[in-house]
Amino acid sequence: MSNFRYFTRSTGKAAATVTLAVGLALSPMMEGIARAKDNCAEVAKPQAQKPEEKPFFSSEKLPDILKNVKGTADKEKTESLFSLLKVGNGVLKTVKAGGDKRAPRNVDETIEKGGDCTEFSFVVITALKMLGINGGAVVIHREGAKKGEDHMVAYATLGDQKFYIDPQAEKSGEIKGKYTLVMDLTFAEAEGIYHREMGNYYKLQSKTDEAIAAFEKAVALNVKDAYCHNSLGVLYEKKGDVEHAKEHYDLAVKYDPDNKTYEKNKTVGTYNEELKAAYDAFEKEDYKSAKEHFENALNSGEKLSDKEKKELKKNIGICEQMIQQQEKN
């Protein structure tokens, strides 16, 4: 029986290689797929009903606070809301997020324990929704801030104007200083930022499944969040799910085509998907398809070592031998 090499790459890591006897062994990835298929045959067990989740933009504490909002027109209400929620005026206090080392807080937790700019935005959005005022939120990058240190501010839509409500600002209605707009979000899309931060928190805790669930919620609310798509690509790749990894790597590049990291990860995703397709085809004795997929992997654009190129060419040669054998028979 011929042997060939089956290996996938991880983003930012060298390829891991193992020798497999064709037709006799499954890779750890394939064993996982086999187990998943076996589990499908089990009788479904009845599951206890989960309690209905509250809408994200809800609060038990805000209604009493909002009784102090003054005015009848939306402009008057938003001015009053800013004064009420401004840090130092008694409702909100600033607490740093700690670089994803703590889970993001919901509205009532933020009112009780304090929060950062993102969590303040959730409080403002909930207040605006309770007051019946439309709006959204922006994510900005301040001039001079470190890469990745972005700032989120909620706003009310007053006619065709955005009235910013930043509890950390000195004045209402504006964003102080020079900045670049990163994202302009609807209320629903802004909720996606909460799940994005929850995904980062779980990822830091090495809770892969929980992180995937959080990032999936984020992109369900804001499909254009390239960061979340790239994070999902990395996490799915970690689990050996190369199809979903490539899907999200592709979407990350679609929504942020100038990001070099996302572009590189997309190439890795293509490489891994072609390798898996080649292996699957070889297992089914479809050697022509296997050869084509190995060639695609070789020409995927992924930077390969001489050893990796040699192994891929060896696999292509084995496929050619098997094709010749089939033709003789």
C-alpha atoms as a PDB file:
ATOM      1  CA  MET A   1       0.000   0.000   0.000  1.00  0.00           C
ATOM      2  CA  SER A   2       1.340   3.437  -0.972  1.00  0.00           C
ATOM      3  CA  ASN A   3       1.953   6.123   1.649  1.00  0.00           C
ATOM      4  CA  PHE A   4       1.451   9.831   1.159  1.00  0.00           C
ATOM      5  CA  ARG A   5       1.706  12.924   3.303  1.00  0.00           C
ATOM      6  CA  TYR A   6      -1.348  14.755   4.635  1.00  0.00           C
ATOM      7  CA  PHE A   7      -0.766  18.082   6.354  1.00  0.00           C
ATOM      8  CA  THR A   8      -2.628  21.321   7.022  1.00  0.00           C
ATOM      9  CA  ARG A   9      -1.331  24.695   8.034  1.00  0.00           C
ATOM     10  CA  SER A  10      -2.356  26.973  10.874  1.00  0.00           C
ATOM     11  CA  THR A  11      -2.369  30.738  10.559  1.00  0.00           C
ATOM     12  CA  GLY A  12       1.017  32.029  11.631  1.00  0.00           C
ATOM     13  CA  LYS A  13       2.386  28.537  12.343  1.00  0.00           C
ATOM     14  CA  ALA A  14       4.505  25.991  10.480  1.00  0.00           C
ATOM     15  CA  ALA A  15       2.780  23.022   8.897  1.00  0.00           C
ATOM     16  CA  ALA A  16       2.328  19.896  10.988  1.00  0.00           C
ATOM     17  CA  THR A  17       2.975  16.696   9.014  1.00  0.00           C
ATOM     18  CA  VAL A  18       2.146  13.058   9.595  1.00  0.00           C
ATOM     19  CA  THR A  19       2.599   9.946   7.416  1.00  0.00           C
ATOM     20  CA  LEU A  20      -0.642   8.080   6.727  1.00  0.00           C
ATOM     21  CA  ALA A  21      -1.274   4.766   5.020  1.00  0.00           C
ATOM     22  CA  VAL A  22      -3.828   5.474   2.335  1.00  0.00           C
ATOM     23  CA  GLY A  23      -7.068   3.612   2.928  1.00  0.00           C
ATOM     24  CA  LEU A  24      -5.933   2.352   6.324  1.00  0.00           C
ATOM     25  CA  ALA A  25      -5.808   5.442   8.537  1.00  0.00           C
ATOM     26  CA  LEU A  26      -7.786   8.578   9.109  1.00  0.00           C
ATOM     27  CA  SER A  27      -6.248  11.862  10.161  1.00  0.00           C
ATOM     28  CA  PRO A  28      -7.375  13.253  13.558  1.00  0.00           C
ATOM     29  CA  MET A  29      -9.514  15.684  11.570  1.00  0.00           C
ATOM     30  CA  MET A  30     -11.204  12.863   9.683  1.00  0.00           C
ATOM     31  CA  GLU A  31     -11.688  10.816  12.857  1.00  0.00           C
ATOM     32  CA  GLY A  32     -13.546  13.807  14.285  1.00  0.00           C
ATOM     33  CA  ILE A  33     -15.777  13.898  11.204  1.00  0.00           C
ATOM     34  CA  ALA A  34     -16.431  10.166  11.516  1.00  0.00           C
ATOM     35  CA  ARG A  35     -17.422  10.568  15.162  1.00  0.00           C
ATOM     36  CA  ALA A  36     -19.741  13.426  14.266  1.00  0.00           C
ATOM     37  CA  LYS A  37     -21.497  11.207  11.712  1.00  0.00           C
ATOM     38  CA  ASP A  38     -21.860   8.402  14.254  1.00  0.00           C
ATOM     39  CA  ASN A  39     -23.393  10.790  16.763  1.00  0.00           C
ATOM     40  CA  CYS A  40     -26.056  11.745  14.250  1.00  0.00           C
ATOM     41  CA  ALA A  41     -27.443   8.218  14.521  1.00  0.00           C
ATOM     42  CA  GLU A  42     -28.143   8.567  18.242  1.00  0.00           C
ATOM     43  CA  VAL A  43     -31.721   9.077  19.403  1.00  0.00           C
ATOM     44  CA  ALA A  44     -32.263  12.724  20.193  1.00  0.00           C
ATOM     45  CA  LYS A  45     -32.744  13.318  23.894  1.00  0.00           C
ATOM     46  CA  PRO A  46     -35.401  15.746  25.102  1.00  0.00           C
ATOM     47  CA  GLN A  47     -33.798  18.981  26.299  1.00  0.00           C
ATOM     48  CA  ALA A  48     -35.007  21.216  29.059  1.00  0.00           C
ATOM     49  CA  GLN A  49     -36.466  24.491  27.821  1.00  0.00           C
ATOM     50  CA  LYS A  50     -34.183  27.452  28.289  1.00  0.00           C
ATOM     51  CA  PRO A  51     -35.644  30.551  29.907  1.00  0.00           C
ATOM     52  CA  GLU A  52     -36.523  33.201  27.345  1.00  0.00           C
ATOM     53  CA  GLU A  53     -33.680  35.685  26.938  1.00  0.00           C
ATOM     54  CA  LYS A  54     -34.380  39.345  27.550  1.00  0.00           C
ATOM     55  CA  PRO A  55     -33.695  41.736  24.676  1.00  0.00           C
ATOM     56  CA  PHE A  56     -30.115  42.948  24.928  1.00  0.00           C
ATOM     57  CA  PHE A  57     -31.103  46.605  25.086  1.00  0.00           C
ATOM     58  CA  SER A  58     -33.232  46.272  28.212  1.00  0.00           C
ATOM     59  CA  SER A  59     -32.814  47.400  31.805  1.00  0.00           C
ATOM     60  CA  GLU A  60     -34.525  47.280  35.144  1.00  0.00           C
ATOM     61  CA  LYS A  61     -32.529  50.229  36.501  1.00  0.00           C
ATOM     62  CA  LEU A  62     -32.877  52.748  33.654  1.00  0.00           C
ATOM     63  CA  PRO A  63     -36.626  53.490  33.827  1.00  0.00           C
ATOM     64  CA  ASP A  64     -36.285  55.172  37.241  1.00  0.00           C
ATOM     65  CA  ILE A  65     -33.231  57.115  36.042  1.00  0.00           C
ATOM     66  CA  LEU A  66     -35.012  58.294  32.897  1.00  0.00           C
ATOM     67  CA  LYS A  67     -37.802  59.859  34.975  1.00  0.00           C
ATOM     68  CA  ASN A  68     -35.333  62.715  35.427  1.00  0.00           C
ATOM     69  CA  VAL A  69     -35.005  63.414  31.693  1.00  0.00           C
ATOM     70  CA  LYS A  70     -36.402  66.868  30.966  1.00  0.00           C
ATOM     71  CA  GLY A  71     -38.002  68.318  27.857  1.00  0.00           C
ATOM     72  CA  THR A  72     -40.603  67.356  25.290  1.00  0.00           C
ATOM     73  CA  ALA A  73     -38.696  67.649  21.989  1.00  0.00           C
ATOM     74  CA  ASP A  74     -36.103  64.994  21.097  1.00  0.00           C
ATOM     75  CA  LYS A  75     -33.293  67.601  21.123  1.00  0.00           C
ATOM     76  CA  GLU A  76     -34.206  68.673  24.653  1.00  0.00           C
ATOM     77  CA  LYS A  77     -34.427  65.065  25.805  1.00  0.00           C
ATOM     78  CA  THR A  78     -31.043  64.124  24.367  1.00  0.00           C
ATOM     79  CA  GLU A  79     -29.377  67.176  25.941  1.00  0.00           C
ATOM     80  CA  SER A  80     -30.916  66.228  29.272  1.00  0.00           C
ATOM     81  CA  LEU A  81     -29.912  62.569  28.811  1.00  0.00           C
ATOM     82  CA  PHE A  82     -26.280  63.570  28.278  1.00  0.00           C
ATOM     83  CA  SER A  83     -26.278  65.651  31.475  1.00  0.00           C
ATOM     84  CA  LEU A  84     -27.821  62.755  33.354  1.00  0.00           C
ATOM     85  CA  LEU A  85     -25.371  60.095  32.110  1.00  0.00           C
ATOM     86  CA  LYS A  86     -22.209  62.228  31.994  1.00  0.00           C
ATOM     87  CA  VAL A  87     -19.464  60.554  34.014  1.00  0.00           C
ATOM     88  CA  GLY A  88     -19.164  62.261  37.375  1.00  0.00           C
ATOM     89  CA  ASN A  89     -22.849  63.160  37.630  1.00  0.00           C
ATOM     90  CA  GLY A  90     -23.759  60.091  39.674  1.00  0.00           C
ATOM     91  CA  VAL A  91     -25.120  57.466  37.233  1.00  0.00           C
ATOM     92  CA  LEU A  92     -22.038  56.177  35.406  1.00  0.00           C
ATOM     93  CA  LYS A  93     -18.415  55.714  36.379  1.00  0.00           C
ATOM     94  CA  THR A  94     -15.447  54.747  34.208  1.00  0.00           C
ATOM     95  CA  VAL A  95     -13.882  51.305  34.637  1.00  0.00           C
ATOM     96  CA  LYS A  96     -11.330  50.042  32.128  1.00  0.00           C
ATOM     97  CA  ALA A  97     -12.144  46.838  30.252  1.00  0.00           C
ATOM     98  CA  GLY A  98      -8.691  45.402  30.996  1.00  0.00           C
ATOM     99  CA  GLY A  99      -7.949  44.168  27.479  1.00  0.00           C
ATOM    100  CA  ASP A 100     -10.723  41.541  27.308  1.00  0.00           C
ATOM    101  CA  LYS A 101      -9.665  40.070  30.672  1.00  0.00           C
ATOM    102  CA  ARG A 102     -13.208  40.538  31.940  1.00  0.00           C
ATOM    103  CA  ALA A 103     -16.476  39.812  30.170  1.00  0.00           C
ATOM    104  CA  PRO A 104     -18.303  42.837  28.727  1.00  0.00           C
ATOM    105  CA  ARG A 105     -21.145  44.104  30.911  1.00  0.00           C
ATOM    106  CA  ASN A 106     -24.792  44.508  30.052  1.00  0.00           C
ATOM    107  CA  VAL A 107     -26.699  47.711  30.767  1.00  0.00           C
ATOM    108  CA  ASP A 108     -27.621  47.075  34.403  1.00  0.00           C
ATOM    109  CA  GLU A 109     -24.171  45.711  35.249  1.00  0.00           C
ATOM    110  CA  THR A 110     -22.632  48.875  33.778  1.00  0.00           C
ATOM    111  CA  ILE A 111     -24.911  51.119  35.827  1.00  0.00           C
ATOM    112  CA  GLU A 112     -24.092  49.129  38.960  1.00  0.00           C
ATOM    113  CA  LYS A 113     -20.345  48.506  38.505  1.00  0.00           C
ATOM    114  CA  GLY A 114     -19.165  51.026  35.905  1.00  0.00           C
ATOM    115  CA  GLY A 115     -17.887  50.437  32.408  1.00  0.00           C
ATOM    116  CA  ASP A 116     -15.916  51.596  29.389  1.00  0.00           C
ATOM    117  CA  CYS A 117     -16.924  53.537  26.271  1.00  0.00           C
ATOM    118  CA  THR A 118     -18.544  50.527  24.605  1.00  0.00           C
ATOM    119  CA  GLU A 119     -20.620  49.638  27.647  1.00  0.00           C
ATOM    120  CA  PHE A 120     -21.627  53.307  28.064  1.00  0.00           C
ATOM    121  CA  SER A 121     -22.866  53.211  24.468  1.00  0.00           C
ATOM    122  CA  PHE A 122     -25.103  50.266  25.324  1.00  0.00           C
ATOM    123  CA  VAL A 123     -26.589  52.270  28.210  1.00  0.00           C
ATOM    124  CA  VAL A 124     -27.180  55.290  25.955  1.00  0.00           C
ATOM    125  CA  ILE A 125     -28.755  53.179  23.199  1.00  0.00           C
ATOM    126  CA  THR A 126     -31.095  51.493  25.693  1.00  0.00           C
ATOM    127  CA  ALA A 127     -32.077  54.906  27.056  1.00  0.00           C
ATOM    128  CA  LEU A 128     -32.745  56.250  23.549  1.00  0.00           C
ATOM    129  CA  LYS A 129     -34.890  53.233  22.704  1.00  0.00           C
ATOM    130  CA  MET A 130     -36.872  53.693  25.928  1.00  0.00           C
ATOM    131  CA  LEU A 131     -37.364  57.370  25.062  1.00  0.00           C
ATOM    132  CA  GLY A 132     -38.485  56.446  21.532  1.00  0.00           C
ATOM    133  CA  ILE A 133     -35.591  58.266  19.838  1.00  0.00           C
ATOM    134  CA  ASN A 134     -33.885  56.749  16.783  1.00  0.00           C
ATOM    135  CA  GLY A 135     -30.142  56.641  16.342  1.00  0.00           C
ATOM    136  CA  GLY A 136     -27.101  54.403  16.121  1.00  0.00           C
ATOM    137  CA  ALA A 137     -23.457  54.264  17.153  1.00  0.00           C
ATOM    138  CA  VAL A 138     -20.069  54.916  15.624  1.00  0.00           C
ATOM    139  CA  VAL A 139     -16.739  53.230  16.222  1.00  0.00           C
ATOM    140  CA  ILE A 140     -13.864  55.643  15.707  1.00  0.00           C
ATOM    141  CA  HIS A 141     -10.083  55.580  15.896  1.00  0.00           C
ATOM    142  CA  ARG A 142      -8.672  58.677  17.539  1.00  0.00           C
ATOM    143  CA  GLU A 143      -5.577  60.308  16.074  1.00  0.00           C
ATOM    144  CA  GLY A 144      -2.542  59.133  18.050  1.00  0.00           C
ATOM    145  CA  ALA A 145      -4.293  56.132  19.633  1.00  0.00           C
ATOM    146  CA  LYS A 146      -2.670  52.700  19.464  1.00  0.00           C
ATOM    147  CA  LYS A 147      -3.747  50.220  16.808  1.00  0.00           C
ATOM    148  CA  GLY A 148      -6.897  48.414  17.974  1.00  0.00           C
ATOM    149  CA  GLU A 149      -7.710  51.056  20.603  1.00  0.00           C
ATOM    150  CA  ASP A 150     -10.997  52.272  19.172  1.00  0.00           C
ATOM    151  CA  HIS A 151     -13.738  54.324  20.795  1.00  0.00           C
ATOM    152  CA  MET A 152     -17.496  53.736  20.543  1.00  0.00           C
ATOM    153  CA  VAL A 153     -20.080  56.523  20.841  1.00  0.00           C
ATOM    154  CA  ALA A 154     -23.870  56.267  20.582  1.00  0.00           C
ATOM    155  CA  TYR A 155     -25.895  58.963  18.863  1.00  0.00           C
ATOM    156  CA  ALA A 156     -29.466  60.146  18.436  1.00  0.00           C
ATOM    157  CA  THR A 157     -30.740  60.952  14.946  1.00  0.00           C
ATOM    158  CA  LEU A 158     -32.294  64.414  15.020  1.00  0.00           C
ATOM    159  CA  GLY A 159     -33.575  65.218  11.550  1.00  0.00           C
ATOM    160  CA  ASP A 160     -30.581  64.589   9.305  1.00  0.00           C
ATOM    161  CA  GLN A 161     -28.055  65.252  12.094  1.00  0.00           C
ATOM    162  CA  LYS A 162     -26.245  62.880  14.443  1.00  0.00           C
ATOM    163  CA  PHE A 163     -26.326  64.065  18.033  1.00  0.00           C
ATOM    164  CA  TYR A 164     -23.496  62.228  19.820  1.00  0.00           C
ATOM    165  CA  ILE A 165     -23.933  61.256  23.459  1.00  0.00           C
ATOM    166  CA  ASP A 166     -20.579  60.320  24.948  1.00  0.00           C
ATOM    167  CA  PRO A 167     -20.748  60.144  28.767  1.00  0.00           C
ATOM    168  CA  GLN A 168     -16.965  60.604  28.906  1.00  0.00           C
ATOM    169  CA  ALA A 169     -17.036  63.843  26.863  1.00  0.00           C
ATOM    170  CA  GLU A 170     -17.152  67.378  28.240  1.00  0.00           C
ATOM    171  CA  LYS A 171     -19.845  68.562  25.819  1.00  0.00           C
ATOM    172  CA  SER A 172     -22.873  66.883  24.305  1.00  0.00           C
ATOM    173  CA  GLY A 173     -23.486  66.486  20.598  1.00  0.00           C
ATOM    174  CA  GLU A 174     -19.918  66.103  19.396  1.00  0.00           C
ATOM    175  CA  ILE A 175     -16.846  63.886  19.381  1.00  0.00           C
ATOM    176  CA  LYS A 176     -13.789  65.747  20.569  1.00  0.00           C
ATOM    177  CA  GLY A 177     -10.513  65.695  18.601  1.00  0.00           C
ATOM    178  CA  LYS A 178      -9.453  64.276  15.248  1.00  0.00           C
ATOM    179  CA  TYR A 179     -10.474  60.737  14.402  1.00  0.00           C
ATOM    180  CA  THR A 180     -11.123  58.242  11.622  1.00  0.00           C
ATOM    181  CA  LEU A 181     -14.519  56.581  11.280  1.00  0.00           C
ATOM    182  CA  VAL A 182     -14.208  52.792  11.557  1.00  0.00           C
ATOM    183  CA  MET A 183     -17.877  51.759  11.571  1.00  0.00           C
ATOM    184  CA  ASP A 184     -21.286  53.425  11.549  1.00  0.00           C
ATOM    185  CA  LEU A 185     -23.779  51.059  13.166  1.00  0.00           C
ATOM    186  CA  THR A 186     -27.510  50.717  13.590  1.00  0.00           C
ATOM    187  CA  PHE A 187     -28.793  49.855  17.074  1.00  0.00           C
ATOM    188  CA  ALA A 188     -28.989  46.166  16.082  1.00  0.00           C
ATOM    189  CA  GLU A 189     -25.483  46.178  14.627  1.00  0.00           C
ATOM    190  CA  ALA A 190     -24.186  47.861  17.788  1.00  0.00           C
ATOM    191  CA  GLU A 191     -25.343  44.833  19.787  1.00  0.00           C
ATOM    192  CA  GLY A 192     -22.923  42.823  17.654  1.00  0.00           C
ATOM    193  CA  ILE A 193     -20.040  44.699  19.322  1.00  0.00           C
ATOM    194  CA  TYR A 194     -21.084  43.220  22.670  1.00  0.00           C
ATOM    195  CA  HIS A 195     -20.880  39.691  21.240  1.00  0.00           C
ATOM    196  CA  ARG A 196     -17.577  40.551  19.530  1.00  0.00           C
ATOM    197  CA  GLU A 197     -16.108  41.543  22.910  1.00  0.00           C
ATOM    198  CA  MET A 198     -17.597  38.433  24.513  1.00  0.00           C
ATOM    199  CA  GLY A 199     -15.917  36.372  21.797  1.00  0.00           C
ATOM    200  CA  ASN A 200     -12.584  38.023  22.581  1.00  0.00           C
ATOM    201  CA  TYR A 201     -13.091  37.272  26.271  1.00  0.00           C
ATOM    202  CA  TYR A 202     -13.832  33.574  25.641  1.00  0.00           C
ATOM    203  CA  LYS A 203     -10.930  33.320  23.187  1.00  0.00           C
ATOM    204  CA  LEU A 204      -8.587  34.662  25.852  1.00  0.00           C
ATOM    205  CA  GLN A 205      -9.961  32.004  28.222  1.00  0.00           C
ATOM    206  CA  SER A 206      -9.249  29.294  25.574  1.00  0.00           C
ATOM    207  CA  LYS A 207     -12.991  28.500  25.402  1.00  0.00           C
ATOM    208  CA  THR A 208     -13.130  27.878  21.663  1.00  0.00           C
ATOM    209  CA  ASP A 209     -16.759  26.744  21.328  1.00  0.00           C
ATOM    210  CA  GLU A 210     -18.071  29.621  23.431  1.00  0.00           C
ATOM    211  CA  ALA A 211     -15.948  32.091  21.453  1.00  0.00           C
ATOM    212  CA  ILE A 212     -17.287  30.733  18.156  1.00  0.00           C
ATOM    213  CA  ALA A 213     -20.880  31.060  19.402  1.00  0.00           C
ATOM    214  CA  ALA A 214     -20.261  34.671  20.439  1.00  0.00           C
ATOM    215  CA  PHE A 215     -18.584  35.683  17.162  1.00  0.00           C
ATOM    216  CA  GLU A 216     -21.351  33.948  15.167  1.00  0.00           C
ATOM    217  CA  LYS A 217     -23.909  36.093  17.025  1.00  0.00           C
ATOM    218  CA  ALA A 218     -21.815  39.149  16.225  1.00  0.00           C
ATOM    219  CA  VAL A 219     -21.759  38.520  12.460  1.00  0.00           C
ATOM    220  CA  ALA A 220     -25.451  37.576  12.486  1.00  0.00           C
ATOM    221  CA  LEU A 221     -26.115  41.112  13.741  1.00  0.00           C
ATOM    222  CA  ASN A 222     -23.415  42.818  11.661  1.00  0.00           C
ATOM    223  CA  VAL A 223     -22.355  40.739   8.669  1.00  0.00           C
ATOM    224  CA  LYS A 224     -19.731  43.320   7.636  1.00  0.00           C
ATOM    225  CA  ASP A 225     -17.628  42.908  10.791  1.00  0.00           C
ATOM    226  CA  ALA A 226     -14.404  41.690   9.156  1.00  0.00           C
ATOM    227  CA  TYR A 227     -12.638  41.289  12.501  1.00  0.00           C
ATOM    228  CA  CYS A 228     -15.237  38.768  13.702  1.00  0.00           C
ATOM    229  CA  HIS A 229     -15.115  36.840  10.425  1.00  0.00           C
ATOM    230  CA  ASN A 230     -11.333  36.549  10.677  1.00  0.00           C
ATOM    231  CA  SER A 231     -11.612  35.453  14.321  1.00  0.00           C
ATOM    232  CA  LEU A 232     -14.119  32.784  13.310  1.00  0.00           C
ATOM    233  CA  GLY A 233     -11.744  31.605  10.590  1.00  0.00           C
ATOM    234  CA  VAL A 234      -8.948  31.173  13.129  1.00  0.00           C
ATOM    235  CA  LEU A 235     -11.205  29.370  15.621  1.00  0.00           C
ATOM    236  CA  TYR A 236     -12.791  27.027  13.069  1.00  0.00           C
ATOM    237  CA  GLU A 237      -9.331  26.229  11.734  1.00  0.00           C
ATOM    238  CA  LYS A 238      -8.270  25.372  15.294  1.00  0.00           C
ATOM    239  CA  LYS A 239     -11.143  22.859  15.432  1.00  0.00           C
ATOM    240  CA  GLY A 240     -10.154  21.346  12.078  1.00  0.00           C
ATOM    241  CA  ASP A 241     -13.238  22.707  10.272  1.00  0.00           C
ATOM    242  CA  VAL A 242     -11.467  23.977   7.164  1.00  0.00           C
ATOM    243  CA  GLU A 243     -14.674  24.651   5.181  1.00  0.00           C
ATOM    244  CA  HIS A 244     -16.076  27.099   7.732  1.00  0.00           C
ATOM    245  CA  ALA A 245     -12.615  28.574   8.300  1.00  0.00           C
ATOM    246  CA  LYS A 246     -12.213  29.407   4.606  1.00  0.00           C
ATOM    247  CA  GLU A 247     -15.766  30.785   4.412  1.00  0.00           C
ATOM    248  CA  HIS A 248     -15.040  33.329   7.146  1.00  0.00           C
ATOM    249  CA  TYR A 249     -11.528  34.144   5.916  1.00  0.00           C
ATOM    250  CA  ASP A 250     -13.071  34.979   2.531  1.00  0.00           C
ATOM    251  CA  LEU A 251     -15.696  37.218   4.169  1.00  0.00           C
ATOM    252  CA  ALA A 252     -13.042  39.000   6.252  1.00  0.00           C
ATOM    253  CA  VAL A 253     -11.195  39.949   3.058  1.00  0.00           C
ATOM    254  CA  LYS A 254     -14.450  40.904   1.321  1.00  0.00           C
ATOM    255  CA  TYR A 255     -15.314  43.439   4.030  1.00  0.00           C
ATOM    256  CA  ASP A 256     -11.744  44.641   4.696  1.00  0.00           C
ATOM    257  CA  PRO A 257      -9.808  44.048   1.462  1.00  0.00           C
ATOM    258  CA  ASP A 258      -6.809  46.173   2.500  1.00  0.00           C
ATOM    259  CA  ASN A 259      -6.010  44.131   5.622  1.00  0.00           C
ATOM    260  CA  LYS A 260      -2.847  42.117   4.918  1.00  0.00           C
ATOM    261  CA  THR A 261      -3.408  39.712   7.816  1.00  0.00           C
ATOM    262  CA  TYR A 262      -6.871  38.805   6.562  1.00  0.00           C
ATOM    263  CA  GLU A 263      -5.532  38.314   3.038  1.00  0.00           C
ATOM    264  CA  LYS A 264      -2.809  35.966   4.293  1.00  0.00           C
ATOM    265  CA  ASN A 265      -5.313  33.976   6.370  1.00  0.00           C
ATOM    266  CA  LYS A 266      -7.564  33.655   3.328  1.00  0.00           C
ATOM    267  CA  THR A 267      -4.668  32.043   1.446  1.00  0.00           C
ATOM    268  CA  VAL A 268      -4.079  29.623   4.335  1.00  0.00           C
ATOM    269  CA  GLY A 269      -7.797  28.772   4.322  1.00  0.00           C
ATOM    270  CA  THR A 270      -7.705  28.001   0.595  1.00  0.00           C
ATOM    271  CA  TYR A 271      -4.609  25.821   1.054  1.00  0.00           C
ATOM    272  CA  ASN A 272      -6.185  23.806   3.885  1.00  0.00           C
ATOM    273  CA  GLU A 273      -9.479  23.370   2.052  1.00  0.00           C
ATOM    274  CA  GLU A 274      -7.722  22.057  -1.060  1.00  0.00           C
ATOM    275  CA  LEU A 275      -5.664  19.621   1.031  1.00  0.00           C
ATOM    276  CA  LYS A 276      -8.740  18.254   2.771  1.00  0.00           C
ATOM    277  CA  ALA A 277     -10.581  17.924  -0.545  1.00  0.00           C
ATOM    278  CA  ALA A 278      -7.567  16.047  -1.959  1.00  0.00           C
ATOM    279  CA  TYR A 279      -7.489  13.653   0.974  1.00  0.00           C
ATOM    280  CA  ASP A 280     -11.258  13.041   0.824  1.00  0.00           C
ATOM    281  CA  ALA A 281     -11.064  12.326  -2.919  1.00  0.00           C
ATOM    282  CA  PHE A 282      -8.149   9.927  -2.408  1.00  0.00           C
ATOM    283  CA  GLU A 283     -10.123   8.022   0.239  1.00  0.00           C
ATOM    284  CA  LYS A 284     -12.954   7.634  -2.314  1.00  0.00           C
ATOM    285  CA  GLU A 285     -10.426   6.443  -4.911  1.00  0.00           C
ATOM    286  CA  ASP A 286     -11.204   9.492  -7.054  1.00  0.00           C
ATOM    287  CA  TYR A 287      -7.542   9.961  -7.891  1.00  0.00           C
ATOM    288  CA  LYS A 288      -8.086  12.475 -10.692  1.00  0.00           C
ATOM    289  CA  SER A 289      -9.864  14.863  -8.295  1.00  0.00           C
ATOM    290  CA  ALA A 290      -7.265  14.190  -5.607  1.00  0.00           C
ATOM    291  CA  LYS A 291      -4.483  15.103  -8.024  1.00  0.00           C
ATOM    292  CA  GLU A 292      -6.280  18.307  -9.039  1.00  0.00           C
ATOM    293  CA  HIS A 293      -6.767  19.384  -5.410  1.00  0.00           C
ATOM    294  CA  PHE A 294      -3.133  18.663  -4.512  1.00  0.00           C
ATOM    295  CA  GLU A 295      -2.093  20.790  -7.488  1.00  0.00           C
ATOM    296  CA  ASN A 296      -4.448  23.565  -6.328  1.00  0.00           C
ATOM    297  CA  ALA A 297      -2.876  23.429  -2.867  1.00  0.00           C
ATOM    298  CA  LEU A 298       0.575  23.657  -4.389  1.00  0.00           C
ATOM    299  CA  ASN A 299      -0.470  26.697  -6.436  1.00  0.00           C
ATOM    300  CA  SER A 300      -2.691  28.332  -3.787  1.00  0.00           C
ATOM    301  CA  GLY A 301      -0.267  31.191  -3.187  1.00  0.00           C
ATOM    302  CA  GLU A 302       0.548  30.018   0.338  1.00  0.00           C
ATOM    303  CA  LYS A 303       4.252  30.333   1.131  1.00  0.00           C
ATOM    304  CA  LEU A 304       5.538  26.753   1.384  1.00  0.00           C
ATOM    305  CA  SER A 305       8.865  25.329   2.433  1.00  0.00           C
ATOM    306  CA  ASP A 306      10.875  23.220  -0.016  1.00  0.00           C
ATOM    307  CA  LYS A 307       9.970  20.166   2.067  1.00  0.00           C
ATOM    308  CA  GLU A 308       6.256  20.925   1.827  1.00  0.00           C
ATOM    309  CA  LYS A 309       6.479  21.458  -1.922  1.00  0.00           C
ATOM    310  CA  LYS A 310       8.348  18.154  -2.258  1.00  0.00           C
ATOM    311  CA  GLU A 311       5.684  16.290  -0.272  1.00  0.00           C
ATOM    312  CA  LEU A 312       2.865  17.795  -2.325  1.00  0.00           C
ATOM    313  CA  LYS A 313       4.588  16.835  -5.568  1.00  0.00           C
ATOM    314  CA  LYS A 314       5.091  13.347  -4.148  1.00  0.00           C
ATOM    315  CA  ASN A 315       1.347  13.106  -3.435  1.00  0.00           C
ATOM    316  CA  ILE A 316       0.592  14.246  -6.992  1.00  0.00           C
ATOM    317  CA  GLY A 317       2.926  11.541  -8.294  1.00  0.00           C
ATOM    318  CA  ILE A 318       1.155   8.868  -6.211  1.00  0.00           C
ATOM    319  CA  CYS A 319      -2.189  10.020  -7.613  1.00  0.00           C
ATOM    320  CA  GLU A 320      -0.820   9.715 -11.145  1.00  0.00           C
ATOM    321  CA  GLN A 321       0.329   6.151 -10.381  1.00  0.00           C
ATOM    322  CA  MET A 322      -3.110   5.242  -9.035  1.00  0.00           C
ATOM    323  CA  ILE A 323      -4.795   6.761 -12.106  1.00  0.00           C
ATOM    324  CA  GLN A 324      -2.608   4.636 -14.365  1.00  0.00           C
ATOM    325  CA  GLN A 325      -3.472   1.537 -12.332  1.00  0.00           C
ATOM    326  CA  GLN A 326      -7.189   2.266 -12.666  1.00  0.00           C
ATOM    327  CA  GLU A 327      -6.864   2.735 -16.418  1.00  0.00           C
ATOM    328  CA  LYS A 328      -5.058  -0.624 -16.751  1.00  0.00           C
ATOM    329  CA  ASN A 329      -7.808  -2.389 -14.809  1.00  0.00           C
END
